[in-house]
Protein backbone atom coordinates (compact mmCIF):
# COMPACT_ATOMS: atom_id res chain seq x y z
CA MET A 1 -18.60 -5.18 0.22
CA LYS A 2 -20.36 -2.01 1.24
CA ASN A 3 -18.43 1.15 2.01
CA LYS A 4 -19.79 1.13 5.55
CA ASP A 5 -17.91 -2.16 6.14
CA LYS A 6 -14.64 -0.39 5.36
CA ILE A 7 -15.12 2.15 8.17
CA ARG A 8 -15.73 0.68 11.59
CA PRO A 9 -15.39 1.73 15.23
CA VAL A 10 -12.12 0.69 16.88
CA SER A 11 -14.13 -1.48 19.30
CA ASP A 12 -14.87 -3.78 16.34
CA LEU A 13 -11.20 -4.74 16.32
CA ARG A 14 -11.64 -6.31 19.75
CA ASN A 15 -15.19 -7.60 19.26
CA ASN A 16 -14.97 -8.78 15.63
CA PHE A 17 -11.26 -9.44 15.06
CA ALA A 18 -11.77 -12.64 13.04
CA GLU A 19 -14.28 -10.94 10.75
CA ILE A 20 -11.99 -7.94 10.14
CA SER A 21 -9.02 -10.24 9.53
CA ARG A 22 -11.01 -12.26 6.98
CA GLN A 23 -12.23 -9.06 5.32
CA VAL A 24 -8.80 -7.49 4.82
CA HIS A 25 -7.35 -10.77 3.52
CA GLU A 26 -10.19 -11.50 1.11
CA THR A 27 -10.63 -7.99 -0.25
CA LYS A 28 -6.97 -6.90 -0.11
CA GLU A 29 -8.45 -3.54 0.96
CA PRO A 30 -7.89 -1.63 4.20
CA VAL A 31 -10.42 -1.27 7.00
CA PHE A 32 -10.47 2.17 8.60
CA LEU A 33 -11.08 2.28 12.34
CA THR A 34 -12.58 5.28 14.10
CA LYS A 35 -12.37 6.40 17.71
CA ASN A 36 -15.01 8.80 18.99
CA GLY A 37 -16.12 9.37 15.41
CA PHE A 38 -12.66 10.34 14.10
CA GLY A 39 -10.17 8.32 12.05
CA ASP A 40 -7.72 6.47 14.31
CA MET A 41 -6.14 3.47 12.55
CA VAL A 42 -5.98 1.51 9.31
CA VAL A 43 -5.86 -2.30 9.25
CA LEU A 44 -4.26 -4.05 6.26
CA SER A 45 -3.25 -7.63 5.52
CA MET A 46 0.52 -8.17 5.45
CA GLU A 47 0.31 -8.91 1.71
CA ALA A 48 -1.48 -5.62 1.02
CA TYR A 49 0.99 -3.73 3.21
CA GLU A 50 4.01 -5.28 1.45
CA ASN A 51 2.49 -4.46 -1.96
CA LEU A 52 1.95 -0.89 -0.83
CA GLN A 53 5.56 -0.66 0.36
CA PHE A 54 6.84 -2.09 -2.93
CA GLU A 55 4.74 0.33 -5.00
CA SER A 56 5.98 3.22 -2.90
CA GLU A 57 9.60 2.13 -3.34
CA VAL A 58 9.18 1.82 -7.11
CA TYR A 59 7.54 5.25 -7.26
CA PHE A 60 10.40 6.93 -5.37
CA LYS A 61 13.04 5.16 -7.49
CA LEU A 62 11.29 6.29 -10.66
CA LYS A 63 11.12 9.87 -9.31
CA GLU A 64 14.86 9.73 -8.54
CA ALA A 65 15.60 8.34 -12.02
CA GLU A 66 13.58 11.18 -13.55
CA ARG A 67 15.56 13.72 -11.50
CA VAL A 68 18.87 12.18 -12.63
CA ARG A 69 17.71 12.17 -16.26
CA ARG A 70 16.71 15.83 -16.08
CA ASN A 71 20.16 16.64 -14.68
CA GLY A 72 21.99 15.04 -17.61
CA GLY A 73 22.08 11.40 -16.53
CA LYS A 74 21.64 8.46 -18.90
CA ASP A 75 18.19 8.07 -20.43
CA TYR A 76 16.55 4.65 -19.96
CA SER A 77 13.45 3.34 -21.67
CA PRO A 78 10.58 2.39 -19.34
CA GLU A 79 11.33 -1.28 -20.09
CA GLU A 80 15.01 -0.86 -19.15
CA ALA A 81 14.11 0.98 -15.95
CA LEU A 82 11.60 -1.69 -14.92
CA LYS A 83 14.11 -4.46 -15.65
CA MET A 84 16.71 -2.73 -13.47
CA LEU A 85 14.21 -2.21 -10.61
CA LEU A 86 13.09 -5.84 -10.69
CA LYS A 87 16.71 -7.02 -10.74
CA GLU A 88 17.43 -4.87 -7.63
CA ALA A 89 14.39 -6.33 -5.85
CA GLU A 90 15.72 -9.91 -6.18
């Protein structure tokens, strides 16, 4: 896919919805929509959005664990921390 296909005018959402939907599902990449030449919206598949949310949640939990460790909390190996995060996600 060309980079130009990732940035499209917002009118394409109305005129080419099926194509944009197929694109975001197949590529798992966002499509950026512009309005009057400026960024306006981002379209993602639900799967890509949920993955993004999960990654963000893991990142913030790891940052919090690092803060606790620096302040004298228990030290966990990366494997232990990942195991605990995955157990919480169940």
